[in-house]
């Protein structure tokens, strides 16, 4: 099983479990060092900051859970 990464999505129905998604990587230099964050293309959902870069920029949506005002999307990242 690949690494699971959570993303926040503001609108319902943009992705569903089983969908294949491509990711875009961005970086930010912070006081804690380099941080990496990812966006499901094209601007569907965004991850929180991660300390290590992902090995692949593609994966499969495993879950979409409605929360108070957002949807949490869990993506399983493809293994090497």
PDB file of N, CA and C in Angstrom:
ATOM      1  N   UNK A   1       0.841  -1.170   0.000  1.00  0.00           N
ATOM      2  CA  UNK A   1       0.000   0.000   0.000  1.00  0.00           C
ATOM      3  C   UNK A   1       0.889   1.236   0.000  1.00  0.00           C
ATOM      4  N   UNK A   2       0.504   2.244  -0.782  1.00  0.00           N
ATOM      5  CA  UNK A   2       1.267   3.469  -0.886  1.00  0.00           C
ATOM      6  C   UNK A   2       0.972   4.427   0.255  1.00  0.00           C
ATOM      7  N   UNK A   3       1.706   5.517   0.282  1.00  0.00           N
ATOM      8  CA  UNK A   3       1.531   6.562   1.295  1.00  0.00           C
ATOM      9  C   UNK A   3       0.189   7.251   1.103  1.00  0.00           C
ATOM     10  N   UNK A   4      -0.520   7.522   2.211  1.00  0.00           N
ATOM     11  CA  UNK A   4      -1.799   8.236   2.164  1.00  0.00           C
ATOM     12  C   UNK A   4      -1.569   9.707   2.490  1.00  0.00           C
ATOM     13  N   UNK A   5      -2.148  10.599   1.685  1.00  0.00           N
ATOM     14  CA  UNK A   5      -2.030  12.044   1.889  1.00  0.00           C
ATOM     15  C   UNK A   5      -3.439  12.629   1.875  1.00  0.00           C
ATOM     16  N   UNK A   6      -3.731  13.495   2.848  1.00  0.00           N
ATOM     17  CA  UNK A   6      -5.035  14.145   2.935  1.00  0.00           C
ATOM     18  C   UNK A   6      -4.996  15.517   2.278  1.00  0.00           C
ATOM     19  N   UNK A   7      -6.074  15.848   1.614  1.00  0.00           N
ATOM     20  CA  UNK A   7      -6.247  17.119   0.924  1.00  0.00           C
ATOM     21  C   UNK A   7      -7.568  17.735   1.362  1.00  0.00           C
ATOM     22  N   UNK A   8      -7.645  19.064   1.378  1.00  0.00           N
ATOM     23  CA  UNK A   8      -8.917  19.726   1.652  1.00  0.00           C
ATOM     24  C   UNK A   8      -9.505  20.209   0.329  1.00  0.00           C
ATOM     25  N   UNK A   9     -10.807  19.971   0.189  1.00  0.00           N
ATOM     26  CA  UNK A   9     -11.542  20.343  -1.019  1.00  0.00           C
ATOM     27  C   UNK A   9     -12.758  21.149  -0.586  1.00  0.00           C
ATOM     28  N   UNK A  10     -13.011  22.262  -1.227  1.00  0.00           N
ATOM     29  CA  UNK A  10     -14.088  23.152  -0.794  1.00  0.00           C
ATOM     30  C   UNK A  10     -15.432  22.867  -1.442  1.00  0.00           C
ATOM     31  N   UNK A  11     -15.440  22.217  -2.608  1.00  0.00           N
ATOM     32  CA  UNK A  11     -16.713  21.953  -3.288  1.00  0.00           C
ATOM     33  C   UNK A  11     -16.931  20.455  -3.454  1.00  0.00           C
ATOM     34  N   UNK A  12     -18.153  20.056  -3.336  1.00  0.00           N
ATOM     35  CA  UNK A  12     -18.530  18.655  -3.447  1.00  0.00           C
ATOM     36  C   UNK A  12     -18.462  18.169  -4.890  1.00  0.00           C
ATOM     37  N   UNK A  13     -18.096  16.894  -5.049  1.00  0.00           N
ATOM     38  CA  UNK A  13     -18.215  16.232  -6.333  1.00  0.00           C
ATOM     39  C   UNK A  13     -17.092  16.432  -7.333  1.00  0.00           C
ATOM     40  N   UNK A  14     -16.005  17.087  -6.943  1.00  0.00           N
ATOM     41  CA  UNK A  14     -14.908  17.303  -7.891  1.00  0.00           C
ATOM     42  C   UNK A  14     -14.107  16.033  -8.148  1.00  0.00           C
ATOM     43  N   UNK A  15     -14.002  15.169  -7.133  1.00  0.00           N
ATOM     44  CA  UNK A  15     -13.388  13.850  -7.271  1.00  0.00           C
ATOM     45  C   UNK A  15     -14.211  12.863  -6.457  1.00  0.00           C
ATOM     46  N   UNK A  16     -14.047  11.571  -6.777  1.00  0.00           N
ATOM     47  CA  UNK A  16     -14.740  10.526  -6.030  1.00  0.00           C
ATOM     48  C   UNK A  16     -13.784   9.351  -5.823  1.00  0.00           C
ATOM     49  N   UNK A  17     -14.065   8.470  -4.851  1.00  0.00           N
ATOM     50  CA  UNK A  17     -13.192   7.317  -4.644  1.00  0.00           C
ATOM     51  C   UNK A  17     -13.006   6.525  -5.937  1.00  0.00           C
ATOM     52  N   UNK A  18     -11.756   6.140  -6.167  1.00  0.00           N
ATOM     53  CA  UNK A  18     -11.405   5.392  -7.365  1.00  0.00           C
ATOM     54  C   UNK A  18     -10.834   6.258  -8.471  1.00  0.00           C
ATOM     55  N   UNK A  19     -11.053   7.574  -8.411  1.00  0.00           N
ATOM     56  CA  UNK A  19     -10.505   8.473  -9.432  1.00  0.00           C
ATOM     57  C   UNK A  19      -8.982   8.491  -9.368  1.00  0.00           C
ATOM     58  N   UNK A  20      -8.346   8.504 -10.539  1.00  0.00           N
ATOM     59  CA  UNK A  20      -6.905   8.705 -10.640  1.00  0.00           C
ATOM     60  C   UNK A  20      -6.662  10.202 -10.698  1.00  0.00           C
ATOM     61  N   UNK A  21      -5.689  10.690  -9.939  1.00  0.00           N
ATOM     62  CA  UNK A  21      -5.396  12.122  -9.917  1.00  0.00           C
ATOM     63  C   UNK A  21      -3.898  12.370 -10.099  1.00  0.00           C
ATOM     64  N   UNK A  22      -3.585  13.509 -10.686  1.00  0.00           N
ATOM     65  CA  UNK A  22      -2.209  13.988 -10.808  1.00  0.00           C
ATOM     66  C   UNK A  22      -2.026  15.126  -9.827  1.00  0.00           C
ATOM     67  N   UNK A  23      -0.822  15.245  -9.294  1.00  0.00           N
ATOM     68  CA  UNK A  23      -0.519  16.253  -8.285  1.00  0.00           C
ATOM     69  C   UNK A  23       0.516  17.238  -8.797  1.00  0.00           C
ATOM     70  N   UNK A  24       0.434  18.440  -8.281  1.00  0.00           N
ATOM     71  CA  UNK A  24       1.435  19.480  -8.549  1.00  0.00           C
ATOM     72  C   UNK A  24       2.156  19.762  -7.235  1.00  0.00           C
ATOM     73  N   UNK A  25       3.486  19.770  -7.272  1.00  0.00           N
ATOM     74  CA  UNK A  25       4.286  20.013  -6.069  1.00  0.00           C
ATOM     75  C   UNK A  25       4.728  21.471  -6.014  1.00  0.00           C
ATOM     76  N   UNK A  26       4.614  22.061  -4.832  1.00  0.00           N
ATOM     77  CA  UNK A  26       5.159  23.387  -4.562  1.00  0.00           C
ATOM     78  C   UNK A  26       5.978  23.299  -3.285  1.00  0.00           C
ATOM     79  N   UNK A  27       6.884  24.258  -3.108  1.00  0.00           N
ATOM     80  CA  UNK A  27       7.760  24.259  -1.928  1.00  0.00           C
ATOM     81  C   UNK A  27       7.760  25.632  -1.286  1.00  0.00           C
ATOM     82  N   UNK A  28       8.003  25.613   0.013  1.00  0.00           N
ATOM     83  CA  UNK A  28       8.129  26.871   0.750  1.00  0.00           C
ATOM     84  C   UNK A  28       9.271  26.720   1.741  1.00  0.00           C
ATOM     85  N   UNK A  29      10.152  27.700   1.754  1.00  0.00           N
ATOM     86  CA  UNK A  29      11.235  27.720   2.730  1.00  0.00           C
ATOM     87  C   UNK A  29      10.700  28.395   3.996  1.00  0.00           C
ATOM     88  N   UNK A  30      10.723  27.667   5.099  1.00  0.00           N
ATOM     89  CA  UNK A  30      10.188  28.182   6.359  1.00  0.00           C
ATOM     90  C   UNK A  30      11.270  28.152   7.426  1.00  0.00           C
ATOM     91  N   UNK A  31      10.942  28.670   8.592  1.00  0.00           N
ATOM     92  CA  UNK A  31      11.878  28.619   9.727  1.00  0.00           C
ATOM     93  C   UNK A  31      12.199  27.172  10.107  1.00  0.00           C
ATOM     94  N   UNK A  32      11.288  26.252   9.800  1.00  0.00           N
ATOM     95  CA  UNK A  32      11.479  24.829  10.103  1.00  0.00           C
ATOM     96  C   UNK A  32      12.200  24.092   8.988  1.00  0.00           C
ATOM     97  N   UNK A  33      12.562  24.800   7.931  1.00  0.00           N
ATOM     98  CA  UNK A  33      13.213  24.164   6.789  1.00  0.00           C
ATOM     99  C   UNK A  33      12.273  24.125   5.597  1.00  0.00           C
ATOM    100  N   UNK A  34      12.647  23.363   4.592  1.00  0.00           N
ATOM    101  CA  UNK A  34      11.845  23.264   3.375  1.00  0.00           C
ATOM    102  C   UNK A  34      10.588  22.450   3.649  1.00  0.00           C
ATOM    103  N   UNK A  35       9.443  22.987   3.227  1.00  0.00           N
ATOM    104  CA  UNK A  35       8.167  22.292   3.353  1.00  0.00           C
ATOM    105  C   UNK A  35       7.607  22.089   1.945  1.00  0.00           C
ATOM    106  N   UNK A  36       6.887  20.996   1.759  1.00  0.00           N
ATOM    107  CA  UNK A  36       6.308  20.654   0.460  1.00  0.00           C
ATOM    108  C   UNK A  36       4.795  20.600   0.614  1.00  0.00           C
ATOM    109  N   UNK A  37       4.099  21.113  -0.376  1.00  0.00           N
ATOM    110  CA  UNK A  37       2.643  20.992  -0.373  1.00  0.00           C
ATOM    111  C   UNK A  37       2.188  20.682  -1.789  1.00  0.00           C
ATOM    112  N   UNK A  38       1.041  20.049  -1.881  1.00  0.00           N
ATOM    113  CA  UNK A  38       0.588  19.488  -3.144  1.00  0.00           C
ATOM    114  C   UNK A  38      -0.832  19.923  -3.461  1.00  0.00           C
ATOM    115  N   UNK A  39      -1.100  20.057  -4.740  1.00  0.00           N
ATOM    116  CA  UNK A  39      -2.427  20.397  -5.223  1.00  0.00           C
ATOM    117  C   UNK A  39      -2.867  19.297  -6.176  1.00  0.00           C
ATOM    118  N   UNK A  40      -4.111  18.819  -6.009  1.00  0.00           N
ATOM    119  CA  UNK A  40      -4.670  17.907  -7.000  1.00  0.00           C
ATOM    120  C   UNK A  40      -4.993  18.755  -8.220  1.00  0.00           C
ATOM    121  N   UNK A  41      -4.413  18.395  -9.360  1.00  0.00           N
ATOM    122  CA  UNK A  41      -4.613  19.178 -10.590  1.00  0.00           C
ATOM    123  C   UNK A  41      -6.060  19.074 -11.025  1.00  0.00           C
ATOM    124  N   UNK A  42      -6.646  20.034 -11.518  1.00  0.00           N
ATOM    125  CA  UNK A  42      -6.308  21.420 -11.663  1.00  0.00           C
ATOM    126  C   UNK A  42      -6.998  22.208 -10.559  1.00  0.00           C
ATOM    127  N   UNK A  43      -6.284  22.483  -9.506  1.00  0.00           N
ATOM    128  CA  UNK A  43      -6.759  23.277  -8.362  1.00  0.00           C
ATOM    129  C   UNK A  43      -8.021  22.711  -7.721  1.00  0.00           C
ATOM    130  N   UNK A  44      -8.079  21.381  -7.586  1.00  0.00           N
ATOM    131  CA  UNK A  44      -9.251  20.734  -6.992  1.00  0.00           C
ATOM    132  C   UNK A  44      -9.168  20.726  -5.473  1.00  0.00           C
ATOM    133  N   UNK A  45      -8.000  20.383  -4.928  1.00  0.00           N
ATOM    134  CA  UNK A  45      -7.828  20.274  -3.479  1.00  0.00           C
ATOM    135  C   UNK A  45      -6.359  20.467  -3.145  1.00  0.00           C
ATOM    136  N   UNK A  46      -6.080  20.845  -1.885  1.00  0.00           N
ATOM    137  CA  UNK A  46      -4.710  21.152  -1.476  1.00  0.00           C
ATOM    138  C   UNK A  46      -4.342  20.407  -0.196  1.00  0.00           C
ATOM    139  N   UNK A  47      -3.107  19.935  -0.150  1.00  0.00           N
ATOM    140  CA  UNK A  47      -2.616  19.237   1.040  1.00  0.00           C
ATOM    141  C   UNK A  47      -2.126  20.235   2.077  1.00  0.00           C
ATOM    142  N   UNK A  48      -1.881  19.744   3.266  1.00  0.00           N
ATOM    143  CA  UNK A  48      -1.175  20.556   4.254  1.00  0.00           C
ATOM    144  C   UNK A  48       0.320  20.436   3.947  1.00  0.00           C
ATOM    145  N   UNK A  49       1.162  21.125   4.705  1.00  0.00           N
ATOM    146  CA  UNK A  49       2.605  21.072   4.477  1.00  0.00           C
ATOM    147  C   UNK A  49       3.170  19.725   4.913  1.00  0.00           C
ATOM    148  N   UNK A  50       4.064  19.190   4.102  1.00  0.00           N
ATOM    149  CA  UNK A  50       4.756  17.938   4.408  1.00  0.00           C
ATOM    150  C   UNK A  50       6.242  18.229   4.509  1.00  0.00           C
ATOM    151  N   UNK A  51       6.933  17.523   5.378  1.00  0.00           N
ATOM    152  CA  UNK A  51       8.372  17.748   5.556  1.00  0.00           C
ATOM    153  C   UNK A  51       9.215  17.071   4.489  1.00  0.00           C
ATOM    154  N   UNK A  52       8.655  16.035   3.842  1.00  0.00           N
ATOM    155  CA  UNK A  52       9.405  15.324   2.810  1.00  0.00           C
ATOM    156  C   UNK A  52       8.621  15.328   1.502  1.00  0.00           C
ATOM    157  N   UNK A  53       9.335  15.404   0.390  1.00  0.00           N
ATOM    158  CA  UNK A  53       8.629  15.375  -0.895  1.00  0.00           C
ATOM    159  C   UNK A  53       8.074  13.975  -1.180  1.00  0.00           C
ATOM    160  N   UNK A  54       7.001  13.930  -1.948  1.00  0.00           N
ATOM    161  CA  UNK A  54       6.455  12.649  -2.375  1.00  0.00           C
ATOM    162  C   UNK A  54       7.332  12.066  -3.470  1.00  0.00           C
ATOM    163  N   UNK A  55       7.365  10.748  -3.578  1.00  0.00           N
ATOM    164  CA  UNK A  55       8.189  10.102  -4.594  1.00  0.00           C
ATOM    165  C   UNK A  55       7.512  10.103  -5.958  1.00  0.00           C
ATOM    166  N   UNK A  56       6.195  10.149  -5.991  1.00  0.00           N
ATOM    167  CA  UNK A  56       5.434  10.171  -7.247  1.00  0.00           C
ATOM    168  C   UNK A  56       4.390  11.272  -7.168  1.00  0.00           C
ATOM    169  N   UNK A  57       4.010  11.811  -8.292  1.00  0.00           N
ATOM    170  CA  UNK A  57       3.018  12.889  -8.339  1.00  0.00           C
ATOM    171  C   UNK A  57       1.717  12.406  -8.966  1.00  0.00           C
ATOM    172  N   UNK A  58       1.301  11.200  -8.578  1.00  0.00           N
ATOM    173  CA  UNK A  58       0.035  10.632  -9.041  1.00  0.00           C
ATOM    174  C   UNK A  58      -0.471   9.670  -7.985  1.00  0.00           C
ATOM    175  N   UNK A  59      -1.780   9.448  -7.983  1.00  0.00           N
ATOM    176  CA  UNK A  59      -2.344   8.524  -7.023  1.00  0.00           C
ATOM    177  C   UNK A  59      -3.820   8.274  -7.292  1.00  0.00           C
ATOM    178  N   UNK A  60      -4.443   7.553  -6.364  1.00  0.00           N
ATOM    179  CA  UNK A  60      -5.845   7.172  -6.478  1.00  0.00           C
ATOM    180  C   UNK A  60      -6.607   7.679  -5.266  1.00  0.00           C
ATOM    181  N   UNK A  61      -7.744   8.322  -5.504  1.00  0.00           N
ATOM    182  CA  UNK A  61      -8.584   8.794  -4.406  1.00  0.00           C
ATOM    183  C   UNK A  61      -9.152   7.574  -3.685  1.00  0.00           C
ATOM    184  N   UNK A  62      -8.949   7.496  -2.379  1.00  0.00           N
ATOM    185  CA  UNK A  62      -9.454   6.374  -1.578  1.00  0.00           C
ATOM    186  C   UNK A  62     -10.704   6.750  -0.788  1.00  0.00           C
ATOM    187  N   UNK A  63     -10.776   8.014  -0.327  1.00  0.00           N
ATOM    188  CA  UNK A  63     -11.919   8.459   0.479  1.00  0.00           C
ATOM    189  C   UNK A  63     -12.219   9.919   0.202  1.00  0.00           C
ATOM    190  N   UNK A  64     -13.485  10.275   0.304  1.00  0.00           N
ATOM    191  CA  UNK A  64     -13.916  11.674   0.319  1.00  0.00           C
ATOM    192  C   UNK A  64     -14.905  11.770   1.467  1.00  0.00           C
ATOM    193  N   UNK A  65     -14.558  12.543   2.494  1.00  0.00           N
ATOM    194  CA  UNK A  65     -15.395  12.655   3.689  1.00  0.00           C
ATOM    195  C   UNK A  65     -15.835  14.093   3.885  1.00  0.00           C
ATOM    196  N   UNK A  66     -17.145  14.282   4.035  1.00  0.00           N
ATOM    197  CA  UNK A  66     -17.665  15.622   4.287  1.00  0.00           C
ATOM    198  C   UNK A  66     -17.405  15.991   5.742  1.00  0.00           C
ATOM    199  N   UNK A  67     -16.892  17.202   5.944  1.00  0.00           N
ATOM    200  CA  UNK A  67     -16.711  17.743   7.283  1.00  0.00           C
ATOM    201  C   UNK A  67     -17.567  18.994   7.381  1.00  0.00           C
ATOM    202  N   UNK A  68     -17.372  19.821   8.387  1.00  0.00           N
ATOM    203  CA  UNK A  68     -18.270  20.950   8.613  1.00  0.00           C
ATOM    204  C   UNK A  68     -18.421  21.831   7.375  1.00  0.00           C
ATOM    205  N   UNK A  69     -17.335  22.367   6.851  1.00  0.00           N
ATOM    206  CA  UNK A  69     -17.453  23.263   5.698  1.00  0.00           C
ATOM    207  C   UNK A  69     -16.535  22.877   4.545  1.00  0.00           C
ATOM    208  N   UNK A  70     -15.875  21.712   4.652  1.00  0.00           N
ATOM    209  CA  UNK A  70     -14.964  21.245   3.607  1.00  0.00           C
ATOM    210  C   UNK A  70     -15.142  19.750   3.415  1.00  0.00           C
ATOM    211  N   UNK A  71     -14.439  19.222   2.438  1.00  0.00           N
ATOM    212  CA  UNK A  71     -14.384  17.781   2.204  1.00  0.00           C
ATOM    213  C   UNK A  71     -12.933  17.357   2.342  1.00  0.00           C
ATOM    214  N   UNK A  72     -12.679  16.279   3.080  1.00  0.00           N
ATOM    215  CA  UNK A  72     -11.335  15.734   3.194  1.00  0.00           C
ATOM    216  C   UNK A  72     -11.191  14.625   2.162  1.00  0.00           C
ATOM    217  N   UNK A  73     -10.183  14.756   1.306  1.00  0.00           N
ATOM    218  CA  UNK A  73      -9.915  13.785   0.253  1.00  0.00           C
ATOM    219  C   UNK A  73      -8.635  13.061   0.617  1.00  0.00           C
ATOM    220  N   UNK A  74      -8.687  11.744   0.713  1.00  0.00           N
ATOM    221  CA  UNK A  74      -7.491  10.946   0.996  1.00  0.00           C
ATOM    222  C   UNK A  74      -7.041  10.282  -0.291  1.00  0.00           C
ATOM    223  N   UNK A  75      -5.785  10.529  -0.667  1.00  0.00           N
ATOM    224  CA  UNK A  75      -5.213   9.978  -1.899  1.00  0.00           C
ATOM    225  C   UNK A  75      -4.095   9.019  -1.520  1.00  0.00           C
ATOM    226  N   UNK A  76      -4.131   7.821  -2.124  1.00  0.00           N
ATOM    227  CA  UNK A  76      -3.024   6.874  -1.981  1.00  0.00           C
ATOM    228  C   UNK A  76      -2.048   7.157  -3.109  1.00  0.00           C
ATOM    229  N   UNK A  77      -0.821   7.535  -2.749  1.00  0.00           N
ATOM    230  CA  UNK A  77       0.216   7.885  -3.720  1.00  0.00           C
ATOM    231  C   UNK A  77       0.760   6.609  -4.344  1.00  0.00           C
ATOM    232  N   UNK A  78       0.972   6.640  -5.660  1.00  0.00           N
ATOM    233  CA  UNK A  78       1.535   5.490  -6.354  1.00  0.00           C
ATOM    234  C   UNK A  78       2.887   5.123  -5.746  1.00  0.00           C
ATOM    235  N   UNK A  79       3.139   3.820  -5.676  1.00  0.00           N
ATOM    236  CA  UNK A  79       4.437   3.368  -5.179  1.00  0.00           C
ATOM    237  C   UNK A  79       5.445   3.423  -6.309  1.00  0.00           C
ATOM    238  N   UNK A  80       6.714   3.409  -5.939  1.00  0.00           N
ATOM    239  CA  UNK A  80       7.791   3.499  -6.946  1.00  0.00           C
ATOM    240  C   UNK A  80       7.819   2.302  -7.845  1.00  0.00           C
TER     241      UNK A  80
END
